[in-house]
Amino acid sequence: MKLSLPRNAVLGGSLAVVAALALSACGAAPDNASTTTKDGKSAATAASAADFGGMDALVKAAKKEGSLHIIAVPRDWANYGAIIDAFQKKYGIKIQDESPDGSSQDEINAVTSRKGQDRAPDVLDLGSSFALSAAQQGLLAPYKVSSFGDIPAGQKDPQARWYNDYGGYISIGCDAKRVKECPTTFKDLLKPQYKGQVALNGNPTKSGSAFGGVYAAALANGGSFGDIQPGLDFFAKLKKNGNYTPVESTPATVEKGETPISIDWDYLNAGYADEFKSKGLDWKVVVPSDGQYAQYYSQAITKDAPHPAAARLWQEFLYSTEGQNLWLKGYARPALMTSMESAGTLDKTAAAKLPQVTGSASFPSEAEQSKAKTVIAQGWGKAVSG
């Protein structure tokens, strides 16, 4: 599998999306006539498969549309390549994957800029705090997948505008051939031996993984879900002592030795470790014991999706046993993991390969995440400038 830039490579992703917006400015409004059944049921307003007449009717309408537009989804992110291929093979629906190196904020920008155009994204894959923002802006369509009831209450919007899909823990990845002693905690990252080596995957004002990195640092330094400021203070200290590098970590920067220590999701770092082996890199991955922060990425259907039936079928596939196990094979923890384990449908071999953590994860509330985003937006530039 070819390694591409992660979706949180904000600068390049933003430029790509801006260019795409310019090209699509004259896009025609979508024609939803093909997604309306003979008895008048519309995929654009269907709040469930049953609401549209059942899965068979949904599949038929989605195949008639024949296309699905996704954005900011790299093939090497949590096994997305295999998921895209499986969906296309199963339903014969072509997926258009635009700007795979874009950020969560780029996705939202594309929706707002292309409203009513056939080039608008059908679905979104967003860091959880960005999903909350999109819902607050009225950009998402409510839709309950068939397995909606099995998604934990704290991992979904009561109105079904978004729900968590796959996730993991913030981890520290380290090139053991370039770094004599790999750090295992956030406290370790402050040691002078790591000068100019510690990087984030993106900018926390736009990137879900970088946002999670700051949250984890806060938890490791006396903060809480309601107080992310210690995380900003930590990175300010890391910047002051010369350990933080502003280079955004990607597989390419790791291979070049530019970011030998990367704070990122464990499923990405674990996936990179597999890929790096063939290139002679020894990439170690650890979930820091002093800052265990877990979070999911959320799925959502855009309110004005040009291909509303395909968008809903895509969600059904992602939350099926097949889709959830494909996330697991990419080292990501699927949202339905607990229910699938109980049902005996979980891929046990893939589950056994997940990075080890102690204890169970807890998650910030909607209000806490919104507050954290505001604090980071106001303070990140100051924390790492100079």
Protein backbone atom coordinates (compact mmCIF):
# COMPACT_ATOMS: atom_id res chain seq x y z
CA MET A 1 0.00 0.00 0.00
CA LYS A 2 1.40 3.40 -0.94
CA LEU A 3 1.74 5.82 1.94
CA SER A 4 0.16 9.20 1.23
CA LEU A 5 0.04 12.35 3.30
CA PRO A 6 -2.31 12.00 6.29
CA ARG A 7 -5.64 13.80 6.13
CA ASN A 8 -4.38 16.20 8.78
CA ALA A 9 -1.65 17.69 6.60
CA VAL A 10 -3.53 20.95 6.90
CA LEU A 11 -1.58 23.34 4.67
CA GLY A 12 -1.45 21.13 1.59
CA GLY A 13 -5.01 19.93 2.17
CA SER A 14 -6.34 23.45 2.49
CA LEU A 15 -4.70 24.55 -0.74
CA ALA A 16 -6.05 21.53 -2.56
CA VAL A 17 -9.58 22.16 -1.36
CA VAL A 18 -9.39 25.85 -2.26
CA ALA A 19 -8.33 24.91 -5.79
CA ALA A 20 -11.14 22.38 -6.05
CA LEU A 21 -13.65 24.95 -4.85
CA ALA A 22 -12.60 27.33 -7.58
CA LEU A 23 -13.00 24.66 -10.23
CA SER A 24 -16.43 23.64 -8.99
CA ALA A 25 -17.92 27.10 -8.55
CA CYS A 26 -20.18 26.64 -11.55
CA GLY A 27 -21.34 23.13 -10.65
CA ALA A 28 -24.98 22.45 -11.34
CA ALA A 29 -27.44 21.65 -8.60
CA PRO A 30 -27.93 17.92 -8.06
CA ASP A 31 -30.93 16.15 -9.56
CA ASN A 32 -32.58 14.02 -6.87
CA ALA A 33 -35.33 12.68 -9.09
CA SER A 34 -33.59 9.33 -9.40
CA THR A 35 -33.56 8.93 -5.62
CA THR A 36 -37.32 9.19 -5.18
CA THR A 37 -39.30 5.94 -5.19
CA LYS A 38 -42.56 5.43 -7.11
CA ASP A 39 -44.52 5.93 -3.92
CA GLY A 40 -42.86 9.30 -3.29
CA LYS A 41 -40.24 8.37 -0.69
CA SER A 42 -37.10 10.49 -1.04
CA ALA A 43 -33.61 9.34 -0.12
CA ALA A 44 -32.72 12.97 0.60
CA THR A 45 -35.09 13.01 3.57
CA ALA A 46 -34.97 9.34 4.62
CA ALA A 47 -34.03 9.10 8.29
CA SER A 48 -33.39 5.33 8.09
CA ALA A 49 -33.35 2.51 5.54
CA ALA A 50 -36.81 1.47 6.72
CA ASP A 51 -37.99 5.04 6.10
CA PHE A 52 -37.02 4.60 2.44
CA GLY A 53 -38.70 1.21 2.07
CA GLY A 54 -35.91 -1.08 3.30
CA MET A 55 -32.33 -1.95 2.40
CA ASP A 56 -33.24 -3.41 -1.01
CA ALA A 57 -34.85 -0.14 -2.05
CA LEU A 58 -31.88 1.83 -0.74
CA VAL A 59 -29.38 -0.34 -2.59
CA LYS A 60 -31.39 -0.03 -5.81
CA ALA A 61 -31.54 3.77 -5.55
CA ALA A 62 -27.85 4.04 -4.66
CA LYS A 63 -26.84 1.90 -7.63
CA LYS A 64 -28.97 4.11 -9.88
CA GLU A 65 -27.07 7.16 -8.62
CA GLY A 66 -23.88 5.23 -9.31
CA SER A 67 -21.50 7.55 -7.53
CA LEU A 68 -20.42 8.73 -4.07
CA HIS A 69 -18.32 11.81 -3.35
CA ILE A 70 -16.06 11.62 -0.30
CA ILE A 71 -13.39 14.10 0.77
CA ALA A 72 -10.24 14.22 2.91
CA VAL A 73 -9.94 10.43 3.14
CA PRO A 74 -6.48 8.92 2.51
CA ARG A 75 -6.32 5.24 1.59
CA ASP A 76 -3.67 4.56 4.24
CA TRP A 77 -5.77 6.02 7.08
CA ALA A 78 -7.22 3.28 9.32
CA ASN A 79 -7.57 0.87 6.36
CA TYR A 80 -9.73 3.23 4.31
CA GLY A 81 -8.29 1.88 1.06
CA ALA A 82 -9.65 -1.60 1.74
CA ILE A 83 -12.99 -0.16 2.85
CA ILE A 84 -13.39 1.92 -0.30
CA ASP A 85 -12.48 -1.05 -2.50
CA ALA A 86 -14.88 -3.37 -0.67
CA PHE A 87 -17.81 -0.95 -1.03
CA GLN A 88 -17.17 -0.38 -4.73
CA LYS A 89 -16.88 -4.10 -5.41
CA LYS A 90 -20.00 -4.96 -3.42
CA TYR A 91 -22.32 -2.35 -4.91
CA GLY A 92 -20.68 -1.25 -8.17
CA ILE A 93 -20.82 2.38 -7.02
CA LYS A 94 -17.83 4.53 -7.95
CA ILE A 95 -16.28 6.51 -5.12
CA GLN A 96 -14.73 9.87 -5.94
CA ASP A 97 -12.12 10.58 -3.27
CA GLU A 98 -11.18 14.26 -3.36
CA SER A 99 -8.26 15.94 -1.56
CA PRO A 100 -7.29 12.93 0.57
CA ASP A 101 -4.74 15.05 2.44
CA GLY A 102 -7.36 17.57 3.62
CA SER A 103 -8.35 18.29 7.22
CA SER A 104 -11.67 18.08 9.06
CA GLN A 105 -12.10 21.84 8.72
CA ASP A 106 -11.47 21.58 4.98
CA GLU A 107 -14.41 19.17 4.77
CA ILE A 108 -16.72 21.63 6.49
CA ASN A 109 -15.49 24.46 4.27
CA ALA A 110 -16.25 22.40 1.17
CA VAL A 111 -19.83 21.78 2.32
CA THR A 112 -20.56 25.42 3.05
CA SER A 113 -18.89 26.68 -0.14
CA ARG A 114 -20.59 24.21 -2.49
CA LYS A 115 -24.14 24.17 -1.19
CA GLY A 116 -26.52 23.18 -3.96
CA GLN A 117 -23.76 22.03 -6.32
CA ASP A 118 -23.19 18.53 -7.67
CA ARG A 119 -19.56 18.68 -6.47
CA ALA A 120 -20.55 19.01 -2.83
CA PRO A 121 -19.38 16.18 -0.54
CA ASP A 122 -22.00 13.49 0.11
CA VAL A 123 -20.57 12.34 3.41
CA LEU A 124 -18.06 13.54 5.98
CA ASP A 125 -15.49 11.83 8.20
CA LEU A 126 -14.71 14.32 10.95
CA GLY A 127 -12.83 14.60 14.21
CA SER A 128 -15.54 14.51 16.87
CA SER A 129 -15.24 18.18 17.82
CA PHE A 130 -15.62 19.13 14.15
CA ALA A 131 -18.71 16.91 13.82
CA LEU A 132 -20.26 18.89 16.66
CA SER A 133 -19.48 22.12 14.82
CA ALA A 134 -20.99 20.83 11.56
CA ALA A 135 -24.18 19.80 13.38
CA GLN A 136 -24.42 23.19 15.08
CA GLN A 137 -24.13 24.86 11.66
CA GLY A 138 -27.05 22.80 10.33
CA LEU A 139 -24.95 21.04 7.68
CA LEU A 140 -25.87 17.43 8.48
CA ALA A 141 -28.82 15.17 7.68
CA PRO A 142 -30.25 12.97 10.45
CA TYR A 143 -30.03 9.29 9.57
CA LYS A 144 -30.08 6.19 11.77
CA VAL A 145 -28.08 3.27 10.40
CA SER A 146 -29.49 -0.18 11.10
CA SER A 147 -27.02 -0.69 13.96
CA PHE A 148 -27.66 2.75 15.48
CA GLY A 149 -29.04 1.22 18.67
CA ASP A 150 -25.76 -0.63 19.31
CA ILE A 151 -23.63 2.51 19.17
CA PRO A 152 -22.94 3.60 22.78
CA ALA A 153 -25.08 6.53 23.87
CA GLY A 154 -22.09 8.76 24.50
CA GLN A 155 -20.78 8.13 21.00
CA LYS A 156 -23.69 9.46 18.94
CA ASP A 157 -25.85 12.50 18.47
CA PRO A 158 -29.37 11.88 19.85
CA GLN A 159 -30.72 13.36 16.61
CA ALA A 160 -28.53 10.98 14.56
CA ARG A 161 -26.81 13.79 12.67
CA TRP A 162 -23.43 12.19 13.43
CA TYR A 163 -22.13 9.13 15.23
CA ASN A 164 -18.69 7.87 16.07
CA ASP A 165 -17.29 5.13 13.87
CA TYR A 166 -13.66 4.26 14.59
CA GLY A 167 -11.02 5.59 16.93
CA GLY A 168 -8.09 4.99 19.18
CA TYR A 169 -5.68 6.52 21.64
CA ILE A 170 -3.13 9.25 21.24
CA SER A 171 0.24 7.52 21.03
CA ILE A 172 3.92 8.33 20.65
CA GLY A 173 5.61 6.90 17.58
CA CYS A 174 9.40 6.78 17.56
CA ASP A 175 12.12 5.90 15.04
CA ALA A 176 14.21 3.57 17.22
CA LYS A 177 17.14 3.67 14.79
CA ARG A 178 17.47 7.46 15.02
CA VAL A 179 16.42 7.91 18.64
CA LYS A 180 18.66 6.14 21.16
CA GLU A 181 15.98 5.81 23.85
CA CYS A 182 12.35 6.22 22.75
CA PRO A 183 10.05 8.25 25.03
CA THR A 184 7.09 6.47 26.60
CA THR A 185 5.38 9.38 28.41
CA PHE A 186 4.64 13.05 27.83
CA LYS A 187 7.04 13.84 30.67
CA ASP A 188 9.81 12.09 28.73
CA LEU A 189 9.25 14.39 25.74
CA LEU A 190 10.67 17.31 27.73
CA LYS A 191 14.10 15.66 28.04
CA PRO A 192 16.87 17.63 26.29
CA GLN A 193 17.91 14.59 24.26
CA TYR A 194 14.80 15.04 22.07
CA LYS A 195 15.72 18.51 20.80
CA GLY A 196 13.96 19.30 17.52
CA GLN A 197 12.44 15.82 17.25
CA VAL A 198 8.85 15.99 18.60
CA ALA A 199 6.07 16.64 16.08
CA LEU A 200 2.29 16.60 15.77
CA ASN A 201 0.26 15.31 12.84
CA GLY A 202 -1.20 18.66 11.83
CA ASN A 203 -2.40 21.87 13.45
CA PRO A 204 -4.82 21.42 16.39
CA THR A 205 -7.01 24.29 15.22
CA LYS A 206 -7.89 22.26 12.11
CA SER A 207 -6.72 18.69 12.70
CA GLY A 208 -8.48 16.10 14.84
CA SER A 209 -5.32 14.13 15.63
CA ALA A 210 -3.33 17.22 16.64
CA PHE A 211 -6.31 18.40 18.72
CA GLY A 212 -6.22 15.02 20.48
CA GLY A 213 -2.49 15.39 21.06
CA VAL A 214 -2.99 18.65 22.94
CA TYR A 215 -5.86 17.13 24.95
CA ALA A 216 -3.66 14.15 25.93
CA ALA A 217 -0.86 16.51 26.96
CA ALA A 218 -3.37 18.39 29.14
CA LEU A 219 -4.41 15.18 30.91
CA ALA A 220 -0.74 14.35 31.49
CA ASN A 221 -0.08 17.72 33.08
CA GLY A 222 -2.87 18.24 35.58
CA GLY A 223 -5.57 19.25 33.14
CA SER A 224 -8.94 17.66 32.48
CA PHE A 225 -11.60 17.36 29.79
CA GLY A 226 -12.84 20.74 31.01
CA ASP A 227 -9.38 22.30 31.15
CA ILE A 228 -7.15 21.90 28.08
CA GLN A 229 -4.94 24.89 28.95
CA PRO A 230 -2.21 22.69 30.54
CA GLY A 231 -1.88 21.03 27.13
CA LEU A 232 -1.16 24.36 25.47
CA ASP A 233 1.27 25.18 28.27
CA PHE A 234 3.05 21.86 27.70
CA PHE A 235 3.60 22.55 24.00
CA ALA A 236 4.72 26.10 24.79
CA LYS A 237 7.33 24.58 27.13
CA LEU A 238 8.26 22.00 24.50
CA LYS A 239 8.72 24.80 21.99
CA LYS A 240 10.75 26.93 24.41
CA ASN A 241 13.23 24.14 25.20
CA GLY A 242 13.66 23.39 21.49
CA ASN A 243 12.13 19.91 21.45
CA TYR A 244 8.99 20.75 19.44
CA THR A 245 9.34 20.99 15.68
CA PRO A 246 6.67 22.80 13.61
CA VAL A 247 7.11 20.26 10.79
CA GLU A 248 3.81 18.38 10.51
CA SER A 249 4.48 14.68 10.82
CA THR A 250 3.70 12.46 7.82
CA PRO A 251 5.10 9.10 6.68
CA ALA A 252 7.34 11.05 4.30
CA THR A 253 8.82 13.26 7.03
CA VAL A 254 9.38 10.21 9.21
CA GLU A 255 11.25 8.40 6.45
CA LYS A 256 13.44 11.47 5.89
CA GLY A 257 14.22 11.70 9.61
CA GLU A 258 12.55 15.12 9.95
CA THR A 259 10.02 13.95 12.56
CA PRO A 260 11.55 10.97 14.40
CA ILE A 261 9.05 11.32 17.26
CA SER A 262 5.39 11.74 16.29
CA ILE A 263 2.35 12.28 18.52
CA ASP A 264 -0.54 10.69 16.64
CA TRP A 265 -3.39 8.20 16.88
CA ASP A 266 -2.23 4.70 17.79
CA TYR A 267 -3.89 3.14 14.73
CA LEU A 268 -1.94 5.41 12.41
CA ASN A 269 1.36 4.90 14.18
CA ALA A 270 0.76 1.12 14.30
CA GLY A 271 -0.10 1.07 10.61
CA TYR A 272 3.01 3.03 9.75
CA ALA A 273 5.11 0.57 11.76
CA ASP A 274 3.97 -2.21 9.42
CA GLU A 275 4.79 -0.18 6.33
CA PHE A 276 8.14 1.06 7.60
CA LYS A 277 9.50 -2.43 8.22
CA SER A 278 10.09 -2.98 4.52
CA LYS A 279 12.03 0.29 4.40
CA GLY A 280 14.38 -0.54 7.23
CA LEU A 281 12.75 1.68 9.84
CA ASP A 282 12.06 0.39 13.35
CA TRP A 283 8.97 2.38 14.34
CA LYS A 284 8.01 1.86 17.99
CA VAL A 285 4.52 2.74 19.24
CA VAL A 286 3.38 3.32 22.81
CA VAL A 287 0.26 4.79 24.40
CA PRO A 288 1.65 7.14 27.09
CA SER A 289 0.57 6.13 30.57
CA ASP A 290 0.44 9.72 31.81
CA GLY A 291 -1.88 11.04 29.09
CA GLN A 292 -4.33 8.42 27.92
CA TYR A 293 -6.71 10.24 25.62
CA ALA A 294 -9.06 8.27 23.37
CA GLN A 295 -11.32 9.66 20.71
CA TYR A 296 -13.29 8.62 17.67
CA TYR A 297 -13.83 10.03 14.23
CA SER A 298 -17.46 10.59 13.37
CA GLN A 299 -19.43 9.87 10.20
CA ALA A 300 -22.15 12.12 8.86
CA ILE A 301 -24.28 12.67 5.77
CA THR A 302 -24.41 16.19 4.39
CA LYS A 303 -27.83 17.78 4.38
CA ASP A 304 -27.68 18.56 0.66
CA ALA A 305 -25.83 15.43 -0.50
CA PRO A 306 -25.89 15.18 -4.33
CA HIS A 307 -26.12 11.38 -4.00
CA PRO A 308 -28.35 10.91 -0.93
CA ALA A 309 -29.07 7.20 -1.43
CA ALA A 310 -25.40 6.30 -1.95
CA ALA A 311 -24.50 8.43 1.07
CA ARG A 312 -26.91 6.47 3.26
CA LEU A 313 -25.79 3.12 1.84
CA TRP A 314 -22.17 4.07 2.57
CA GLN A 315 -23.08 4.67 6.20
CA GLU A 316 -24.88 1.32 6.39
CA PHE A 317 -21.75 -0.39 5.04
CA LEU A 318 -19.39 1.35 7.47
CA TYR A 319 -21.52 0.26 10.43
CA SER A 320 -22.04 -3.30 9.22
CA THR A 321 -20.03 -6.18 10.67
CA GLU A 322 -17.91 -6.19 7.51
CA GLY A 323 -17.17 -2.48 7.69
CA GLN A 324 -16.43 -2.46 11.41
CA ASN A 325 -14.00 -5.38 11.12
CA LEU A 326 -12.21 -3.61 8.28
CA TRP A 327 -11.52 -0.68 10.63
CA LEU A 328 -10.19 -3.19 13.14
CA LYS A 329 -7.77 -4.59 10.57
CA GLY A 330 -6.40 -1.05 10.27
CA TYR A 331 -5.66 -1.03 14.04
CA ALA A 332 -8.63 1.25 14.75
CA ARG A 333 -11.16 0.43 17.44
CA PRO A 334 -14.66 0.31 15.87
CA ALA A 335 -17.56 1.95 17.67
CA LEU A 336 -19.49 -1.34 17.66
CA MET A 337 -16.58 -3.32 19.10
CA THR A 338 -18.31 -4.18 22.39
CA SER A 339 -21.58 -5.29 20.81
CA MET A 340 -19.75 -7.30 18.14
CA GLU A 341 -17.64 -9.01 20.77
CA SER A 342 -20.81 -10.02 22.59
CA ALA A 343 -22.36 -11.24 19.35
CA GLY A 344 -19.25 -13.22 18.41
CA THR A 345 -18.77 -11.29 15.14
CA LEU A 346 -15.58 -9.42 16.08
CA ASP A 347 -12.36 -10.30 14.23
CA LYS A 348 -10.42 -11.64 17.22
CA THR A 349 -7.13 -11.91 15.33
CA ALA A 350 -7.22 -8.24 14.38
CA ALA A 351 -8.32 -7.22 17.88
CA ALA A 352 -5.34 -9.01 19.42
CA LYS A 353 -2.95 -6.81 17.41
CA LEU A 354 -4.23 -3.51 18.82
CA PRO A 355 -1.75 -1.37 20.82
CA GLN A 356 -2.10 -2.20 24.51
CA VAL A 357 -3.72 0.20 26.99
CA THR A 358 -4.69 -0.09 30.63
CA GLY A 359 -8.11 0.80 31.99
CA SER A 360 -11.14 1.95 30.02
CA ALA A 361 -11.51 5.14 28.03
CA SER A 362 -13.71 8.09 28.93
CA PHE A 363 -14.59 10.96 26.63
CA PRO A 364 -15.17 14.72 26.87
CA SER A 365 -18.70 16.04 26.62
CA GLU A 366 -19.95 18.23 23.78
CA ALA A 367 -19.63 21.33 25.95
CA GLU A 368 -16.10 20.39 27.03
CA GLN A 369 -14.97 19.83 23.44
CA SER A 370 -16.47 23.11 22.30
CA LYS A 371 -14.68 24.93 25.11
CA ALA A 372 -11.40 23.16 24.28
CA LYS A 373 -11.66 24.19 20.61
CA THR A 374 -12.12 27.82 21.62
CA VAL A 375 -9.13 27.73 23.96
CA ILE A 376 -6.91 26.15 21.29
CA ALA A 377 -8.08 28.58 18.60
CA GLN A 378 -7.17 31.49 20.83
CA GLY A 379 -3.93 30.16 22.26
CA TRP A 380 -2.20 27.74 19.90
CA GLY A 381 -0.43 30.32 17.76
CA LYS A 382 0.97 32.08 20.80
CA ALA A 383 2.05 28.79 22.42
CA VAL A 384 4.26 27.65 19.53
CA SER A 385 5.27 30.94 17.91
CA GLY A 386 8.77 32.37 17.97
